[in-house]
């Protein structure tokens, strides 16, 4: 009976020793280096967009912009009543409209910069242009 226990003990020990050697040998094999490649940031190009609506239209409505100034309208004509020209990238889902959700700075969108410029008109009709709104006009 003691011999059977010794045989089981030896067999178990040899199996365990074999497994340890197999895993130990595997840890010394060459492994391929994993390389993480960064994709280049997509470059967004601003375009010039002209507000084609009237003063009663919402200047943050992307459908009210065109890449060409309507005939009979000119920018920087006083009295300044509404937005005339903005700089913004095209909307990825509709390239015929500006992307109002594009981040101009780390915290403000094109739409927010337009709203900020419009607020500057209300008390004095003196425009405060910014990197997004580059010109105003009368209606």
N, C-alpha and C. Protein backbone atom coordinates (compact mmCIF):
# COMPACT_ATOMS: atom_id res chain seq x y z
N UNK A 1 0.81 -1.17 0.00
CA UNK A 1 0.00 0.00 0.00
C UNK A 1 0.86 1.26 0.00
N UNK A 2 1.95 1.23 0.74
CA UNK A 2 2.86 2.37 0.79
C UNK A 2 3.52 2.57 -0.55
N UNK A 3 3.74 1.50 -1.29
CA UNK A 3 4.36 1.58 -2.61
C UNK A 3 3.42 2.29 -3.59
N UNK A 4 2.14 1.99 -3.51
CA UNK A 4 1.17 2.63 -4.40
C UNK A 4 1.12 4.13 -4.11
N UNK A 5 1.14 4.51 -2.82
CA UNK A 5 1.13 5.93 -2.46
C UNK A 5 2.38 6.62 -2.97
N UNK A 6 3.54 5.92 -2.86
CA UNK A 6 4.79 6.50 -3.34
C UNK A 6 4.77 6.68 -4.85
N UNK A 7 4.20 5.70 -5.57
CA UNK A 7 4.12 5.81 -7.03
C UNK A 7 3.25 7.00 -7.44
N UNK A 8 2.10 7.18 -6.77
CA UNK A 8 1.23 8.31 -7.05
C UNK A 8 1.94 9.63 -6.74
N UNK A 9 2.65 9.64 -5.66
CA UNK A 9 3.38 10.85 -5.26
C UNK A 9 4.46 11.19 -6.28
N UNK A 10 5.20 10.16 -6.74
CA UNK A 10 6.24 10.39 -7.74
C UNK A 10 5.63 10.85 -9.06
N UNK A 11 4.57 10.20 -9.46
CA UNK A 11 3.92 10.55 -10.73
C UNK A 11 3.39 11.98 -10.67
N UNK A 12 2.72 12.33 -9.59
CA UNK A 12 2.19 13.68 -9.44
C UNK A 12 3.32 14.70 -9.44
N UNK A 13 4.40 14.41 -8.76
CA UNK A 13 5.54 15.32 -8.70
C UNK A 13 6.16 15.50 -10.07
N UNK A 14 6.31 14.42 -10.84
CA UNK A 14 6.89 14.51 -12.18
C UNK A 14 5.99 15.30 -13.13
N UNK A 15 4.69 15.09 -13.02
CA UNK A 15 3.77 15.85 -13.86
C UNK A 15 3.85 17.34 -13.52
N UNK A 16 3.84 17.64 -12.24
CA UNK A 16 3.93 19.03 -11.80
C UNK A 16 5.25 19.66 -12.24
N UNK A 17 6.34 18.95 -12.11
CA UNK A 17 7.65 19.43 -12.53
C UNK A 17 7.66 19.67 -14.04
N UNK A 18 7.04 18.78 -14.82
CA UNK A 18 6.97 18.93 -16.28
C UNK A 18 6.18 20.17 -16.67
N UNK A 19 5.05 20.40 -15.99
CA UNK A 19 4.25 21.59 -16.28
C UNK A 19 5.01 22.87 -15.97
N UNK A 20 5.71 22.88 -14.83
CA UNK A 20 6.49 24.06 -14.46
C UNK A 20 7.58 24.32 -15.49
N UNK A 21 8.23 23.29 -15.96
CA UNK A 21 9.30 23.45 -16.96
C UNK A 21 8.71 23.95 -18.29
N UNK A 22 7.54 23.43 -18.66
CA UNK A 22 6.92 23.85 -19.93
C UNK A 22 6.55 25.33 -19.88
N UNK A 23 5.91 25.76 -18.80
CA UNK A 23 5.55 27.17 -18.68
C UNK A 23 6.77 28.06 -18.53
N UNK A 24 7.79 27.58 -17.84
CA UNK A 24 9.02 28.35 -17.69
C UNK A 24 9.72 28.53 -19.02
N UNK A 25 9.75 27.50 -19.83
CA UNK A 25 10.40 27.59 -21.14
C UNK A 25 9.62 28.52 -22.06
N UNK A 26 8.30 28.52 -21.93
CA UNK A 26 7.47 29.38 -22.78
C UNK A 26 7.72 30.85 -22.46
N UNK A 27 8.04 31.18 -21.23
CA UNK A 27 8.26 32.58 -20.88
C UNK A 27 9.54 33.13 -21.48
N UNK A 28 10.44 32.27 -21.92
CA UNK A 28 11.69 32.73 -22.52
C UNK A 28 11.62 32.85 -24.04
N UNK A 29 10.51 32.46 -24.63
CA UNK A 29 10.41 32.56 -26.09
C UNK A 29 10.22 34.01 -26.50
N UNK A 30 10.65 34.33 -27.70
CA UNK A 30 10.52 35.70 -28.22
C UNK A 30 9.06 36.00 -28.52
N UNK A 31 8.64 37.15 -28.10
CA UNK A 31 7.29 37.59 -28.38
C UNK A 31 7.38 38.84 -29.24
N UNK A 32 6.43 38.95 -30.15
CA UNK A 32 6.41 40.14 -31.02
C UNK A 32 6.00 41.37 -30.22
N UNK A 33 6.65 42.46 -30.54
CA UNK A 33 6.32 43.72 -29.89
C UNK A 33 5.03 44.27 -30.49
N UNK A 34 4.14 44.66 -29.64
CA UNK A 34 2.88 45.23 -30.09
C UNK A 34 3.10 46.72 -30.31
N UNK A 35 2.82 47.16 -31.53
CA UNK A 35 2.99 48.58 -31.85
C UNK A 35 1.62 49.22 -31.98
N UNK A 36 1.47 50.34 -31.33
CA UNK A 36 0.24 51.11 -31.41
C UNK A 36 0.51 52.30 -32.31
N UNK A 37 -0.22 52.36 -33.41
CA UNK A 37 -0.03 53.47 -34.35
C UNK A 37 -1.15 54.48 -34.14
N UNK A 38 -0.75 55.72 -34.00
CA UNK A 38 -1.74 56.78 -33.86
C UNK A 38 -2.18 57.23 -35.24
N UNK A 39 -3.48 57.39 -35.38
CA UNK A 39 -3.99 57.92 -36.63
C UNK A 39 -3.79 59.43 -36.62
N UNK A 40 -3.39 59.99 -37.74
CA UNK A 40 -3.24 61.45 -37.75
C UNK A 40 -4.60 62.11 -37.57
N UNK A 41 -4.57 63.22 -36.87
CA UNK A 41 -5.82 63.95 -36.63
C UNK A 41 -6.37 64.46 -37.95
N UNK A 42 -7.67 64.34 -38.09
CA UNK A 42 -8.32 64.81 -39.31
C UNK A 42 -8.27 66.34 -39.33
N UNK A 43 -7.75 66.86 -40.40
CA UNK A 43 -7.64 68.30 -40.54
C UNK A 43 -8.98 68.85 -41.03
N UNK A 44 -9.50 69.78 -40.28
CA UNK A 44 -10.77 70.41 -40.63
C UNK A 44 -10.47 71.79 -41.19
N UNK A 45 -10.95 72.05 -42.38
CA UNK A 45 -10.70 73.32 -43.05
C UNK A 45 -11.93 74.20 -42.97
N UNK A 46 -11.73 75.42 -42.51
CA UNK A 46 -12.82 76.38 -42.47
C UNK A 46 -13.14 76.88 -43.86
N UNK A 47 -14.40 77.20 -44.06
CA UNK A 47 -14.88 77.81 -45.29
C UNK A 47 -15.57 79.12 -44.91
N UNK A 48 -15.73 79.97 -45.90
CA UNK A 48 -16.49 81.20 -45.69
C UNK A 48 -17.95 80.91 -46.04
N UNK A 49 -18.83 81.22 -45.08
CA UNK A 49 -20.27 81.02 -45.25
C UNK A 49 -20.96 82.37 -45.09
N UNK A 50 -21.96 82.63 -45.92
CA UNK A 50 -22.71 83.88 -45.87
C UNK A 50 -24.12 83.61 -45.39
N UNK A 51 -24.57 84.42 -44.46
CA UNK A 51 -25.92 84.30 -43.93
C UNK A 51 -26.89 84.83 -44.99
N UNK A 52 -27.82 84.00 -45.43
CA UNK A 52 -28.74 84.39 -46.50
C UNK A 52 -30.15 84.66 -45.96
N UNK A 53 -30.29 84.60 -44.64
CA UNK A 53 -31.59 84.88 -44.04
C UNK A 53 -31.78 86.35 -43.77
N UNK A 54 -32.89 86.67 -43.13
CA UNK A 54 -33.19 88.04 -42.74
C UNK A 54 -32.95 88.20 -41.25
N UNK A 55 -33.14 89.39 -40.74
CA UNK A 55 -32.90 89.60 -39.31
C UNK A 55 -33.89 88.83 -38.45
N UNK A 56 -35.02 88.42 -39.00
CA UNK A 56 -35.98 87.62 -38.22
C UNK A 56 -35.61 86.14 -38.23
N UNK A 57 -34.68 85.72 -39.09
CA UNK A 57 -34.23 84.33 -39.13
C UNK A 57 -33.15 84.09 -38.08
N UNK A 58 -33.05 82.87 -37.66
CA UNK A 58 -32.06 82.47 -36.66
C UNK A 58 -30.69 82.30 -37.32
N UNK A 59 -29.69 83.13 -36.97
CA UNK A 59 -28.37 83.01 -37.60
C UNK A 59 -27.59 81.77 -37.16
N UNK A 60 -28.14 81.00 -36.23
CA UNK A 60 -27.48 79.74 -35.85
C UNK A 60 -28.09 78.56 -36.60
N UNK A 61 -29.04 78.83 -37.50
CA UNK A 61 -29.66 77.80 -38.33
C UNK A 61 -28.75 77.56 -39.53
N UNK A 62 -28.14 76.39 -39.59
CA UNK A 62 -27.18 76.09 -40.65
C UNK A 62 -27.79 76.15 -42.04
N UNK A 63 -29.09 75.92 -42.16
CA UNK A 63 -29.72 75.95 -43.49
C UNK A 63 -29.84 77.37 -44.04
N UNK A 64 -29.54 78.37 -43.23
CA UNK A 64 -29.64 79.77 -43.66
C UNK A 64 -28.28 80.31 -44.14
N UNK A 65 -27.37 79.41 -44.49
CA UNK A 65 -26.03 79.82 -44.95
C UNK A 65 -25.74 79.27 -46.33
N UNK A 66 -24.95 80.02 -47.07
CA UNK A 66 -24.53 79.63 -48.41
C UNK A 66 -23.06 80.01 -48.57
N UNK A 67 -22.40 79.40 -49.53
CA UNK A 67 -21.00 79.74 -49.78
C UNK A 67 -20.87 80.95 -50.70
N UNK A 68 -22.00 81.48 -51.16
CA UNK A 68 -21.94 82.70 -51.98
C UNK A 68 -22.88 83.75 -51.41
N UNK A 69 -22.44 84.98 -51.45
CA UNK A 69 -23.20 86.10 -50.93
C UNK A 69 -24.36 86.39 -51.89
N UNK A 70 -25.58 86.53 -51.37
CA UNK A 70 -26.71 86.82 -52.26
C UNK A 70 -26.53 88.16 -52.97
N UNK A 71 -27.06 88.25 -54.16
CA UNK A 71 -26.94 89.51 -54.91
C UNK A 71 -27.70 90.61 -54.18
N UNK A 72 -27.15 91.78 -54.20
CA UNK A 72 -27.75 92.92 -53.53
C UNK A 72 -27.38 93.03 -52.06
N UNK A 73 -26.66 92.05 -51.54
CA UNK A 73 -26.23 92.09 -50.14
C UNK A 73 -24.73 92.33 -50.10
N UNK A 74 -24.28 93.04 -49.09
CA UNK A 74 -22.84 93.22 -48.89
C UNK A 74 -22.54 93.18 -47.40
N UNK A 75 -21.40 92.71 -47.08
CA UNK A 75 -20.97 92.64 -45.68
C UNK A 75 -20.39 93.99 -45.25
N UNK A 76 -20.35 94.19 -43.94
CA UNK A 76 -19.80 95.40 -43.33
C UNK A 76 -20.54 96.66 -43.75
N UNK A 77 -21.86 96.54 -43.94
CA UNK A 77 -22.67 97.72 -44.27
C UNK A 77 -23.50 98.10 -43.04
N UNK A 78 -23.38 99.34 -42.64
CA UNK A 78 -24.08 99.83 -41.45
C UNK A 78 -25.50 100.23 -41.81
N UNK A 79 -26.44 100.25 -40.93
CA UNK A 79 -26.30 99.85 -39.53
C UNK A 79 -26.23 98.32 -39.44
N UNK A 80 -25.42 97.86 -38.52
CA UNK A 80 -25.20 96.43 -38.36
C UNK A 80 -26.38 95.81 -37.63
N UNK A 81 -27.06 94.90 -38.32
CA UNK A 81 -28.27 94.31 -37.76
C UNK A 81 -28.21 92.80 -37.63
N UNK A 82 -27.36 92.16 -38.41
CA UNK A 82 -27.30 90.71 -38.35
C UNK A 82 -25.94 90.21 -38.83
N UNK A 83 -25.72 88.95 -38.68
CA UNK A 83 -24.48 88.31 -39.13
C UNK A 83 -24.45 88.32 -40.65
N UNK A 84 -23.27 88.46 -41.21
CA UNK A 84 -23.13 88.40 -42.66
C UNK A 84 -22.23 87.22 -43.07
N UNK A 85 -21.11 87.08 -42.38
CA UNK A 85 -20.11 86.11 -42.81
C UNK A 85 -19.56 85.36 -41.61
N UNK A 86 -19.42 84.04 -41.76
CA UNK A 86 -18.79 83.23 -40.71
C UNK A 86 -17.72 82.34 -41.33
N UNK A 87 -16.83 81.90 -40.48
CA UNK A 87 -15.80 80.93 -40.86
C UNK A 87 -16.09 79.65 -40.09
N UNK A 88 -16.35 78.56 -40.83
CA UNK A 88 -16.67 77.28 -40.19
C UNK A 88 -16.44 76.16 -41.20
N UNK A 89 -16.16 74.96 -40.71
CA UNK A 89 -16.03 73.83 -41.62
C UNK A 89 -17.41 73.38 -42.11
N UNK A 90 -17.42 72.65 -43.20
CA UNK A 90 -18.67 72.10 -43.70
C UNK A 90 -19.13 70.97 -42.78
N UNK A 91 -20.43 70.82 -42.69
CA UNK A 91 -21.01 69.75 -41.89
C UNK A 91 -20.68 68.41 -42.56
N UNK A 92 -20.11 67.44 -41.82
CA UNK A 92 -19.76 66.16 -42.43
C UNK A 92 -20.95 65.42 -43.04
N UNK A 93 -22.14 65.62 -42.48
CA UNK A 93 -23.30 64.92 -43.01
C UNK A 93 -24.06 65.71 -44.08
N UNK A 94 -23.73 67.00 -44.22
CA UNK A 94 -24.35 67.83 -45.25
C UNK A 94 -23.36 68.93 -45.62
N UNK A 95 -22.58 68.69 -46.65
CA UNK A 95 -21.49 69.61 -47.00
C UNK A 95 -21.96 70.95 -47.53
N UNK A 96 -23.26 71.13 -47.74
CA UNK A 96 -23.77 72.42 -48.22
C UNK A 96 -24.16 73.33 -47.07
N UNK A 97 -23.84 72.92 -45.83
CA UNK A 97 -24.15 73.72 -44.65
C UNK A 97 -22.95 73.74 -43.71
N UNK A 98 -22.79 74.82 -42.94
CA UNK A 98 -21.70 74.86 -41.96
C UNK A 98 -22.00 73.91 -40.79
N UNK A 99 -20.93 73.44 -40.16
CA UNK A 99 -21.05 72.55 -39.00
C UNK A 99 -21.17 73.41 -37.74
N UNK A 100 -22.37 73.61 -37.26
CA UNK A 100 -22.61 74.46 -36.10
C UNK A 100 -22.13 73.83 -34.80
N UNK A 101 -21.88 72.52 -34.80
CA UNK A 101 -21.42 71.83 -33.59
C UNK A 101 -19.91 71.69 -33.51
N UNK A 102 -19.22 72.19 -34.52
CA UNK A 102 -17.75 72.10 -34.53
C UNK A 102 -17.18 72.96 -33.40
N UNK A 103 -16.22 72.38 -32.66
CA UNK A 103 -15.59 73.13 -31.57
C UNK A 103 -14.57 74.10 -32.14
N UNK A 104 -14.80 75.37 -31.91
CA UNK A 104 -13.89 76.42 -32.37
C UNK A 104 -12.74 76.54 -31.38
N UNK A 105 -13.08 76.56 -30.12
CA UNK A 105 -12.07 76.55 -29.07
C UNK A 105 -12.31 75.28 -28.27
N UNK A 106 -11.62 75.12 -27.19
CA UNK A 106 -11.77 73.89 -26.42
C UNK A 106 -13.14 73.76 -25.77
N UNK A 107 -13.88 74.86 -25.70
CA UNK A 107 -15.16 74.78 -25.00
C UNK A 107 -16.34 75.40 -25.74
N UNK A 108 -16.13 76.05 -26.88
CA UNK A 108 -17.23 76.71 -27.58
C UNK A 108 -17.38 76.22 -29.01
N UNK A 109 -18.64 76.06 -29.40
CA UNK A 109 -18.95 75.62 -30.76
C UNK A 109 -19.14 76.84 -31.67
N UNK A 110 -19.25 76.57 -32.96
CA UNK A 110 -19.52 77.63 -33.93
C UNK A 110 -20.81 78.34 -33.54
N UNK A 111 -21.83 77.58 -33.20
CA UNK A 111 -23.12 78.16 -32.82
C UNK A 111 -23.00 79.10 -31.62
N UNK A 112 -22.23 78.70 -30.62
CA UNK A 112 -22.06 79.55 -29.43
C UNK A 112 -21.30 80.83 -29.76
N UNK A 113 -20.33 80.75 -30.65
CA UNK A 113 -19.57 81.96 -31.05
C UNK A 113 -20.46 82.92 -31.84
N UNK A 114 -21.39 82.39 -32.65
CA UNK A 114 -22.34 83.24 -33.38
C UNK A 114 -23.26 83.94 -32.39
N UNK A 115 -23.79 83.17 -31.43
CA UNK A 115 -24.68 83.76 -30.42
C UNK A 115 -23.98 84.86 -29.63
N UNK A 116 -22.71 84.64 -29.31
CA UNK A 116 -21.93 85.64 -28.57
C UNK A 116 -21.77 86.93 -29.39
N UNK A 117 -21.51 86.77 -30.68
CA UNK A 117 -21.35 87.95 -31.54
C UNK A 117 -22.68 88.69 -31.70
N UNK A 118 -23.78 87.97 -31.80
CA UNK A 118 -25.10 88.61 -31.94
C UNK A 118 -25.44 89.41 -30.69
N UNK A 119 -25.11 88.86 -29.54
CA UNK A 119 -25.39 89.57 -28.28
C UNK A 119 -24.64 90.89 -28.22
N UNK A 120 -23.50 90.98 -28.89
CA UNK A 120 -22.75 92.24 -28.88
C UNK A 120 -23.46 93.32 -29.69
N UNK A 121 -24.36 92.93 -30.60
CA UNK A 121 -25.09 93.89 -31.43
C UNK A 121 -26.25 94.54 -30.70
N UNK A 122 -26.86 93.82 -29.78
CA UNK A 122 -28.12 94.25 -29.18
C UNK A 122 -28.08 95.62 -28.52
N UNK A 123 -27.14 95.91 -27.65
CA UNK A 123 -27.25 97.22 -26.98
C UNK A 123 -26.86 98.41 -27.85
N UNK A 124 -25.87 98.27 -28.71
CA UNK A 124 -25.35 99.45 -29.40
C UNK A 124 -25.24 99.32 -30.91
N UNK A 125 -25.56 98.17 -31.45
CA UNK A 125 -25.36 97.88 -32.87
C UNK A 125 -23.90 98.06 -33.28
N UNK A 126 -23.02 97.87 -32.32
CA UNK A 126 -21.58 97.88 -32.61
C UNK A 126 -21.11 96.43 -32.59
N UNK A 127 -20.72 95.90 -33.72
CA UNK A 127 -20.40 94.48 -33.77
C UNK A 127 -19.07 94.15 -33.10
N UNK A 128 -19.04 93.01 -32.46
CA UNK A 128 -17.80 92.45 -31.94
C UNK A 128 -17.54 91.15 -32.68
N UNK A 129 -16.67 91.24 -33.66
CA UNK A 129 -16.34 90.06 -34.45
C UNK A 129 -15.48 89.12 -33.61
N UNK A 130 -15.47 87.86 -34.00
CA UNK A 130 -14.60 86.87 -33.37
C UNK A 130 -14.06 85.96 -34.46
N UNK A 131 -13.39 84.89 -34.09
CA UNK A 131 -12.78 84.03 -35.11
C UNK A 131 -13.81 83.31 -35.97
N UNK A 132 -15.06 83.28 -35.53
CA UNK A 132 -16.13 82.63 -36.28
C UNK A 132 -16.92 83.65 -37.09
N UNK A 133 -17.43 84.66 -36.44
CA UNK A 133 -18.20 85.71 -37.12
C UNK A 133 -17.21 86.78 -37.55
N UNK A 134 -17.04 86.91 -38.87
CA UNK A 134 -16.02 87.83 -39.38
C UNK A 134 -16.60 89.08 -40.03
N UNK A 135 -17.95 89.15 -40.16
CA UNK A 135 -18.56 90.36 -40.74
C UNK A 135 -20.04 90.41 -40.39
N UNK A 136 -20.55 91.62 -40.32
CA UNK A 136 -21.97 91.87 -40.09
C UNK A 136 -22.53 92.66 -41.25
N UNK A 137 -23.87 92.79 -41.30
CA UNK A 137 -24.50 93.58 -42.36
C UNK A 137 -25.85 94.09 -41.89
N UNK A 138 -26.40 95.02 -42.66
CA UNK A 138 -27.78 95.42 -42.40
C UNK A 138 -28.68 94.47 -43.19
N UNK A 139 -29.95 94.52 -42.92
CA UNK A 139 -30.87 93.60 -43.62
C UNK A 139 -31.09 93.96 -45.05
